């Protein structure tokens, strides 16, 4: 997750407009959270993936031990080796 800090002058027209846009655009979203102050604690959901599965996928990626499929021709991209 990446955190971006933006200082906004809430008294200016642009600052007010930006805050209203951000609040409206990201309302009820879990992917982007608008925190009102830098001291505010933001709870982040843990991933629902099994940690062992994630480890297995990352290790296979390092080894290059995987097959890339063409979504337009799945059966054709499965070559027998």
PDB file of N, CA and C in Angstrom:
ATOM      1  N   UNK A   1       0.842  -1.169   0.000  1.00  0.00           N
ATOM      2  CA  UNK A   1       0.000   0.000   0.000  1.00  0.00           C
ATOM      3  C   UNK A   1       0.883   1.227   0.000  1.00  0.00           C
ATOM      4  N   UNK A   2       0.495   2.243  -0.739  1.00  0.00           N
ATOM      5  CA  UNK A   2       1.221   3.495  -0.825  1.00  0.00           C
ATOM      6  C   UNK A   2       0.437   4.579  -0.110  1.00  0.00           C
ATOM      7  N   UNK A   3       1.129   5.415   0.644  1.00  0.00           N
ATOM      8  CA  UNK A   3       0.494   6.535   1.322  1.00  0.00           C
ATOM      9  C   UNK A   3       0.952   7.818   0.659  1.00  0.00           C
ATOM     10  N   UNK A   4       0.001   8.677   0.313  1.00  0.00           N
ATOM     11  CA  UNK A   4       0.305   9.973  -0.278  1.00  0.00           C
ATOM     12  C   UNK A   4      -0.233  11.037   0.668  1.00  0.00           C
ATOM     13  N   UNK A   5       0.621  11.987   1.023  1.00  0.00           N
ATOM     14  CA  UNK A   5       0.205  13.082   1.891  1.00  0.00           C
ATOM     15  C   UNK A   5       0.069  14.336   1.052  1.00  0.00           C
ATOM     16  N   UNK A   6      -1.075  14.979   1.125  1.00  0.00           N
ATOM     17  CA  UNK A   6      -1.331  16.208   0.376  1.00  0.00           C
ATOM     18  C   UNK A   6      -1.751  17.275   1.375  1.00  0.00           C
ATOM     19  N   UNK A   7      -1.062  18.417   1.355  1.00  0.00           N
ATOM     20  CA  UNK A   7      -1.457  19.535   2.211  1.00  0.00           C
ATOM     21  C   UNK A   7      -2.422  20.399   1.420  1.00  0.00           C
ATOM     22  N   UNK A   8      -3.599  20.636   1.990  1.00  0.00           N
ATOM     23  CA  UNK A   8      -4.645  21.385   1.299  1.00  0.00           C
ATOM     24  C   UNK A   8      -5.072  22.563   2.164  1.00  0.00           C
ATOM     25  N   UNK A   9      -5.135  23.734   1.564  1.00  0.00           N
ATOM     26  CA  UNK A   9      -5.660  24.905   2.259  1.00  0.00           C
ATOM     27  C   UNK A   9      -7.183  24.809   2.181  1.00  0.00           C
ATOM     28  N   UNK A  10      -7.801  24.413   3.272  1.00  0.00           N
ATOM     29  CA  UNK A  10      -9.246  24.204   3.299  1.00  0.00           C
ATOM     30  C   UNK A  10     -10.038  25.494   3.161  1.00  0.00           C
ATOM     31  N   UNK A  11      -9.360  26.632   3.274  1.00  0.00           N
ATOM     32  CA  UNK A  11     -10.047  27.914   3.176  1.00  0.00           C
ATOM     33  C   UNK A  11     -10.112  28.433   1.737  1.00  0.00           C
ATOM     34  N   UNK A  12      -9.290  27.871   0.843  1.00  0.00           N
ATOM     35  CA  UNK A  12      -9.295  28.327  -0.550  1.00  0.00           C
ATOM     36  C   UNK A  12     -10.381  27.599  -1.337  1.00  0.00           C
ATOM     37  N   UNK A  13     -10.779  28.201  -2.462  1.00  0.00           N
ATOM     38  CA  UNK A  13     -11.804  27.577  -3.311  1.00  0.00           C
ATOM     39  C   UNK A  13     -11.318  26.236  -3.852  1.00  0.00           C
ATOM     40  N   UNK A  14     -10.088  26.205  -4.336  1.00  0.00           N
ATOM     41  CA  UNK A  14      -9.536  24.967  -4.902  1.00  0.00           C
ATOM     42  C   UNK A  14      -9.405  23.888  -3.831  1.00  0.00           C
ATOM     43  N   UNK A  15      -8.974  24.278  -2.634  1.00  0.00           N
ATOM     44  CA  UNK A  15      -8.835  23.320  -1.545  1.00  0.00           C
ATOM     45  C   UNK A  15     -10.168  22.713  -1.163  1.00  0.00           C
ATOM     46  N   UNK A  16     -11.199  23.571  -1.037  1.00  0.00           N
ATOM     47  CA  UNK A  16     -12.541  23.083  -0.721  1.00  0.00           C
ATOM     48  C   UNK A  16     -13.055  22.154  -1.812  1.00  0.00           C
ATOM     49  N   UNK A  17     -12.856  22.567  -3.062  1.00  0.00           N
ATOM     50  CA  UNK A  17     -13.340  21.764  -4.193  1.00  0.00           C
ATOM     51  C   UNK A  17     -12.643  20.405  -4.233  1.00  0.00           C
ATOM     52  N   UNK A  18     -11.320  20.407  -4.008  1.00  0.00           N
ATOM     53  CA  UNK A  18     -10.581  19.144  -4.045  1.00  0.00           C
ATOM     54  C   UNK A  18     -11.043  18.207  -2.945  1.00  0.00           C
ATOM     55  N   UNK A  19     -11.217  18.736  -1.739  1.00  0.00           N
ATOM     56  CA  UNK A  19     -11.677  17.902  -0.625  1.00  0.00           C
ATOM     57  C   UNK A  19     -13.065  17.330  -0.891  1.00  0.00           C
ATOM     58  N   UNK A  20     -13.959  18.125  -1.399  1.00  0.00           N
ATOM     59  CA  UNK A  20     -15.307  17.636  -1.706  1.00  0.00           C
ATOM     60  C   UNK A  20     -15.259  16.568  -2.788  1.00  0.00           C
ATOM     61  N   UNK A  21     -14.424  16.791  -3.809  1.00  0.00           N
ATOM     62  CA  UNK A  21     -14.265  15.790  -4.866  1.00  0.00           C
ATOM     63  C   UNK A  21     -13.742  14.479  -4.286  1.00  0.00           C
ATOM     64  N   UNK A  22     -12.681  14.563  -3.481  1.00  0.00           N
ATOM     65  CA  UNK A  22     -12.067  13.351  -2.927  1.00  0.00           C
ATOM     66  C   UNK A  22     -13.054  12.604  -2.041  1.00  0.00           C
ATOM     67  N   UNK A  23     -13.764  13.335  -1.190  1.00  0.00           N
ATOM     68  CA  UNK A  23     -14.736  12.681  -0.310  1.00  0.00           C
ATOM     69  C   UNK A  23     -15.848  12.022  -1.105  1.00  0.00           C
ATOM     70  N   UNK A  24     -16.339  12.697  -2.142  1.00  0.00           N
ATOM     71  CA  UNK A  24     -17.436  12.142  -2.945  1.00  0.00           C
ATOM     72  C   UNK A  24     -16.954  10.967  -3.796  1.00  0.00           C
ATOM     73  N   UNK A  25     -15.781  11.109  -4.394  1.00  0.00           N
ATOM     74  CA  UNK A  25     -15.279  10.089  -5.317  1.00  0.00           C
ATOM     75  C   UNK A  25     -14.897   8.802  -4.592  1.00  0.00           C
ATOM     76  N   UNK A  26     -14.333   8.929  -3.389  1.00  0.00           N
ATOM     77  CA  UNK A  26     -13.849   7.758  -2.671  1.00  0.00           C
ATOM     78  C   UNK A  26     -14.765   7.325  -1.538  1.00  0.00           C
ATOM     79  N   UNK A  27     -15.956   7.857  -1.473  1.00  0.00           N
ATOM     80  CA  UNK A  27     -16.895   7.474  -0.413  1.00  0.00           C
ATOM     81  C   UNK A  27     -17.242   5.997  -0.535  1.00  0.00           C
ATOM     82  N   UNK A  28     -17.249   5.306   0.579  1.00  0.00           N
ATOM     83  CA  UNK A  28     -17.609   3.884   0.659  1.00  0.00           C
ATOM     84  C   UNK A  28     -16.684   2.981  -0.144  1.00  0.00           C
ATOM     85  N   UNK A  29     -15.460   3.403  -0.392  1.00  0.00           N
ATOM     86  CA  UNK A  29     -14.480   2.581  -1.108  1.00  0.00           C
ATOM     87  C   UNK A  29     -13.492   2.009  -0.100  1.00  0.00           C
ATOM     88  N   UNK A  30     -13.067   0.784  -0.322  1.00  0.00           N
ATOM     89  CA  UNK A  30     -12.068   0.168   0.544  1.00  0.00           C
ATOM     90  C   UNK A  30     -10.669   0.275  -0.046  1.00  0.00           C
ATOM     91  N   UNK A  31     -10.579   0.538  -1.357  1.00  0.00           N
ATOM     92  CA  UNK A  31      -9.283   0.604  -2.009  1.00  0.00           C
ATOM     93  C   UNK A  31      -8.542   1.900  -1.704  1.00  0.00           C
ATOM     94  N   UNK A  32      -9.283   3.008  -1.560  1.00  0.00           N
ATOM     95  CA  UNK A  32      -8.687   4.310  -1.276  1.00  0.00           C
ATOM     96  C   UNK A  32      -9.363   4.877  -0.042  1.00  0.00           C
ATOM     97  N   UNK A  33      -8.555   5.307   0.921  1.00  0.00           N
ATOM     98  CA  UNK A  33      -9.079   5.841   2.171  1.00  0.00           C
ATOM     99  C   UNK A  33      -8.615   7.284   2.312  1.00  0.00           C
ATOM    100  N   UNK A  34      -9.534   8.197   2.558  1.00  0.00           N
ATOM    101  CA  UNK A  34      -9.194   9.601   2.773  1.00  0.00           C
ATOM    102  C   UNK A  34      -9.142   9.827   4.282  1.00  0.00           C
ATOM    103  N   UNK A  35      -7.941  10.069   4.793  1.00  0.00           N
ATOM    104  CA  UNK A  35      -7.760  10.359   6.213  1.00  0.00           C
ATOM    105  C   UNK A  35      -7.733  11.869   6.378  1.00  0.00           C
ATOM    106  N   UNK A  36      -8.406  12.380   7.381  1.00  0.00           N
ATOM    107  CA  UNK A  36      -8.531  13.829   7.550  1.00  0.00           C
ATOM    108  C   UNK A  36      -7.283  14.491   8.114  1.00  0.00           C
ATOM    109  N   UNK A  37      -6.473  13.767   8.874  1.00  0.00           N
ATOM    110  CA  UNK A  37      -5.250  14.349   9.410  1.00  0.00           C
ATOM    111  C   UNK A  37      -4.157  13.297   9.396  1.00  0.00           C
ATOM    112  N   UNK A  38      -2.900  13.760   9.457  1.00  0.00           N
ATOM    113  CA  UNK A  38      -1.802  12.798   9.397  1.00  0.00           C
ATOM    114  C   UNK A  38      -1.705  11.960  10.661  1.00  0.00           C
ATOM    115  N   UNK A  39      -2.338  12.414  11.741  1.00  0.00           N
ATOM    116  CA  UNK A  39      -2.311  11.666  12.989  1.00  0.00           C
ATOM    117  C   UNK A  39      -3.402  10.606  13.051  1.00  0.00           C
ATOM    118  N   UNK A  40      -4.343  10.672  12.121  1.00  0.00           N
ATOM    119  CA  UNK A  40      -5.470   9.742  12.129  1.00  0.00           C
ATOM    120  C   UNK A  40      -4.996   8.341  11.762  1.00  0.00           C
ATOM    121  N   UNK A  41      -5.381   7.377  12.545  1.00  0.00           N
ATOM    122  CA  UNK A  41      -5.024   5.986  12.276  1.00  0.00           C
ATOM    123  C   UNK A  41      -5.956   5.441  11.198  1.00  0.00           C
ATOM    124  N   UNK A  42      -5.399   4.783  10.210  1.00  0.00           N
ATOM    125  CA  UNK A  42      -6.171   4.199   9.121  1.00  0.00           C
ATOM    126  C   UNK A  42      -6.006   2.695   9.192  1.00  0.00           C
ATOM    127  N   UNK A  43      -7.121   1.985   9.317  1.00  0.00           N
ATOM    128  CA  UNK A  43      -7.079   0.528   9.390  1.00  0.00           C
ATOM    129  C   UNK A  43      -7.054  -0.040   7.980  1.00  0.00           C
ATOM    130  N   UNK A  44      -6.145  -0.948   7.749  1.00  0.00           N
ATOM    131  CA  UNK A  44      -6.008  -1.571   6.442  1.00  0.00           C
ATOM    132  C   UNK A  44      -6.364  -3.041   6.582  1.00  0.00           C
ATOM    133  N   UNK A  45      -7.209  -3.509   5.683  1.00  0.00           N
ATOM    134  CA  UNK A  45      -7.595  -4.923   5.711  1.00  0.00           C
ATOM    135  C   UNK A  45      -6.427  -5.782   5.264  1.00  0.00           C
ATOM    136  N   UNK A  46      -6.261  -6.879   5.919  1.00  0.00           N
ATOM    137  CA  UNK A  46      -5.240  -7.824   5.508  1.00  0.00           C
ATOM    138  C   UNK A  46      -5.721  -8.546   4.240  1.00  0.00           C
ATOM    139  N   UNK A  47      -4.780  -9.048   3.484  1.00  0.00           N
ATOM    140  CA  UNK A  47      -5.132  -9.762   2.263  1.00  0.00           C
ATOM    141  C   UNK A  47      -5.872 -11.055   2.600  1.00  0.00           C
ATOM    142  N   UNK A  48      -6.748 -11.445   1.713  1.00  0.00           N
ATOM    143  CA  UNK A  48      -7.505 -12.673   1.943  1.00  0.00           C
ATOM    144  C   UNK A  48      -6.782 -13.895   1.368  1.00  0.00           C
ATOM    145  N   UNK A  49      -5.620 -13.666   0.747  1.00  0.00           N
ATOM    146  CA  UNK A  49      -4.863 -14.776   0.185  1.00  0.00           C
ATOM    147  C   UNK A  49      -4.124 -15.531   1.283  1.00  0.00           C
ATOM    148  N   UNK A  50      -4.052 -16.821   1.111  1.00  0.00           N
ATOM    149  CA  UNK A  50      -3.316 -17.673   2.035  1.00  0.00           C
ATOM    150  C   UNK A  50      -1.823 -17.338   1.908  1.00  0.00           C
ATOM    151  N   UNK A  51      -1.128 -17.050   3.012  1.00  0.00           N
ATOM    152  CA  UNK A  51       0.292 -16.686   2.940  1.00  0.00           C
ATOM    153  C   UNK A  51       1.160 -17.770   2.289  1.00  0.00           C
ATOM    154  N   UNK A  52       0.820 -19.029   2.475  1.00  0.00           N
ATOM    155  CA  UNK A  52       1.583 -20.108   1.846  1.00  0.00           C
ATOM    156  C   UNK A  52       1.425 -20.071   0.330  1.00  0.00           C
ATOM    157  N   UNK A  53       0.209 -19.764  -0.144  1.00  0.00           N
ATOM    158  CA  UNK A  53      -0.043 -19.662  -1.578  1.00  0.00           C
ATOM    159  C   UNK A  53       0.748 -18.489  -2.170  1.00  0.00           C
ATOM    160  N   UNK A  54       0.744 -17.357  -1.475  1.00  0.00           N
ATOM    161  CA  UNK A  54       1.486 -16.187  -1.943  1.00  0.00           C
ATOM    162  C   UNK A  54       2.973 -16.510  -2.034  1.00  0.00           C
ATOM    163  N   UNK A  55       3.506 -17.182  -1.022  1.00  0.00           N
ATOM    164  CA  UNK A  55       4.917 -17.564  -1.016  1.00  0.00           C
ATOM    165  C   UNK A  55       5.230 -18.483  -2.197  1.00  0.00           C
ATOM    166  N   UNK A  56       4.349 -19.454  -2.463  1.00  0.00           N
ATOM    167  CA  UNK A  56       4.552 -20.380  -3.566  1.00  0.00           C
ATOM    168  C   UNK A  56       4.562 -19.638  -4.911  1.00  0.00           C
ATOM    169  N   UNK A  57       3.650 -18.696  -5.091  1.00  0.00           N
ATOM    170  CA  UNK A  57       3.574 -17.949  -6.347  1.00  0.00           C
ATOM    171  C   UNK A  57       4.813 -17.080  -6.533  1.00  0.00           C
ATOM    172  N   UNK A  58       5.248 -16.407  -5.476  1.00  0.00           N
ATOM    173  CA  UNK A  58       6.427 -15.552  -5.576  1.00  0.00           C
ATOM    174  C   UNK A  58       7.689 -16.359  -5.856  1.00  0.00           C
ATOM    175  N   UNK A  59       7.823 -17.539  -5.255  1.00  0.00           N
ATOM    176  CA  UNK A  59       8.984 -18.396  -5.519  1.00  0.00           C
ATOM    177  C   UNK A  59       8.972 -18.904  -6.953  1.00  0.00           C
ATOM    178  N   UNK A  60       7.790 -19.275  -7.456  1.00  0.00           N
ATOM    179  CA  UNK A  60       7.691 -19.736  -8.850  1.00  0.00           C
ATOM    180  C   UNK A  60       8.044 -18.602  -9.800  1.00  0.00           C
ATOM    181  N   UNK A  61       7.682 -17.383  -9.462  1.00  0.00           N
ATOM    182  CA  UNK A  61       7.998 -16.231 -10.302  1.00  0.00           C
ATOM    183  C   UNK A  61       9.503 -16.002 -10.348  1.00  0.00           C
ATOM    184  N   UNK A  62      10.177 -16.161  -9.220  1.00  0.00           N
ATOM    185  CA  UNK A  62      11.635 -15.991  -9.183  1.00  0.00           C
ATOM    186  C   UNK A  62      12.326 -17.036 -10.057  1.00  0.00           C
ATOM    187  N   UNK A  63      11.820 -18.278 -10.005  1.00  0.00           N
ATOM    188  CA  UNK A  63      12.420 -19.370 -10.785  1.00  0.00           C
ATOM    189  C   UNK A  63      12.063 -19.288 -12.258  1.00  0.00           C
ATOM    190  N   UNK A  64      10.994 -18.571 -12.576  1.00  0.00           N
ATOM    191  CA  UNK A  64      10.521 -18.545 -13.958  1.00  0.00           C
ATOM    192  C   UNK A  64       9.781 -19.826 -14.297  1.00  0.00           C
ATOM    193  N   UNK A  65       9.303 -20.521 -13.273  1.00  0.00           N
ATOM    194  CA  UNK A  65       8.664 -21.811 -13.417  1.00  0.00           C
ATOM    195  C   UNK A  65       7.149 -21.650 -13.597  1.00  0.00           C
ATOM    196  N   UNK A  66       6.761 -21.065 -14.716  1.00  0.00           N
ATOM    197  CA  UNK A  66       5.333 -20.867 -14.976  1.00  0.00           C
ATOM    198  C   UNK A  66       5.092 -20.779 -16.479  1.00  0.00           C
ATOM    199  N   UNK A  67       3.857 -20.889 -16.876  1.00  0.00           N
ATOM    200  CA  UNK A  67       3.474 -20.802 -18.283  1.00  0.00           C
ATOM    201  C   UNK A  67       2.585 -19.585 -18.471  1.00  0.00           C
ATOM    202  N   UNK A  68       2.911 -18.777 -19.466  1.00  0.00           N
ATOM    203  CA  UNK A  68       2.098 -17.605 -19.770  1.00  0.00           C
ATOM    204  C   UNK A  68       1.062 -18.004 -20.807  1.00  0.00           C
ATOM    205  N   UNK A  69      -0.195 -17.707 -20.518  1.00  0.00           N
ATOM    206  CA  UNK A  69      -1.281 -18.064 -21.422  1.00  0.00           C
ATOM    207  C   UNK A  69      -1.770 -16.849 -22.186  1.00  0.00           C
ATOM    208  N   UNK A  70      -2.127 -17.077 -23.448  1.00  0.00           N
ATOM    209  CA  UNK A  70      -2.748 -16.040 -24.258  1.00  0.00           C
ATOM    210  C   UNK A  70      -4.249 -16.145 -24.036  1.00  0.00           C
ATOM    211  N   UNK A  71      -4.896 -15.130 -23.454  1.00  0.00           N
ATOM    212  CA  UNK A  71      -6.316 -15.233 -23.140  1.00  0.00           C
ATOM    213  C   UNK A  71      -7.212 -15.385 -24.370  1.00  0.00           C
ATOM    214  N   UNK A  72      -6.707 -15.016 -25.542  1.00  0.00           N
ATOM    215  CA  UNK A  72      -7.513 -15.176 -26.757  1.00  0.00           C
ATOM    216  C   UNK A  72      -7.385 -16.570 -27.353  1.00  0.00           C
ATOM    217  N   UNK A  73      -6.328 -17.328 -26.940  1.00  0.00           N
ATOM    218  CA  UNK A  73      -6.117 -18.685 -27.451  1.00  0.00           C
ATOM    219  C   UNK A  73      -5.491 -19.537 -26.348  1.00  0.00           C
ATOM    220  N   UNK A  74      -6.278 -19.837 -25.334  1.00  0.00           N
ATOM    221  CA  UNK A  74      -5.754 -20.574 -24.169  1.00  0.00           C
ATOM    222  C   UNK A  74      -5.245 -21.947 -24.572  1.00  0.00           C
ATOM    223  N   UNK A  75      -6.041 -22.717 -25.317  1.00  0.00           N
ATOM    224  CA  UNK A  75      -5.617 -24.072 -25.680  1.00  0.00           C
ATOM    225  C   UNK A  75      -4.400 -24.047 -26.599  1.00  0.00           C
ATOM    226  N   UNK A  76      -4.332 -23.079 -27.472  1.00  0.00           N
ATOM    227  CA  UNK A  76      -3.170 -22.981 -28.361  1.00  0.00           C
ATOM    228  C   UNK A  76      -1.898 -22.592 -27.644  1.00  0.00           C
ATOM    229  N   UNK A  77      -2.022 -21.866 -26.540  1.00  0.00           N
ATOM    230  CA  UNK A  77      -0.826 -21.442 -25.819  1.00  0.00           C
ATOM    231  C   UNK A  77      -0.334 -22.513 -24.847  1.00  0.00           C
ATOM    232  N   UNK A  78      -1.078 -23.608 -24.692  1.00  0.00           N
ATOM    233  CA  UNK A  78      -0.635 -24.714 -23.841  1.00  0.00           C
ATOM    234  C   UNK A  78       0.104 -25.728 -24.698  1.00  0.00           C
ATOM    235  N   UNK A  79       1.367 -25.493 -24.893  1.00  0.00           N
ATOM    236  CA  UNK A  79       2.192 -26.391 -25.698  1.00  0.00           C
ATOM    237  C   UNK A  79       2.673 -27.551 -24.833  1.00  0.00           C
ATOM    238  N   UNK A  80       2.634 -28.724 -25.377  1.00  0.00           N
ATOM    239  CA  UNK A  80       3.175 -29.893 -24.658  1.00  0.00           C
ATOM    240  C   UNK A  80       4.685 -29.881 -24.811  1.00  0.00           C
ATOM    241  N   UNK A  81       5.355 -30.051 -23.713  1.00  0.00           N
ATOM    242  CA  UNK A  81       6.835 -30.029 -23.757  1.00  0.00           C
ATOM    243  C   UNK A  81       7.386 -31.366 -23.435  1.00  0.00           C
TER     244      UNK A  81
END
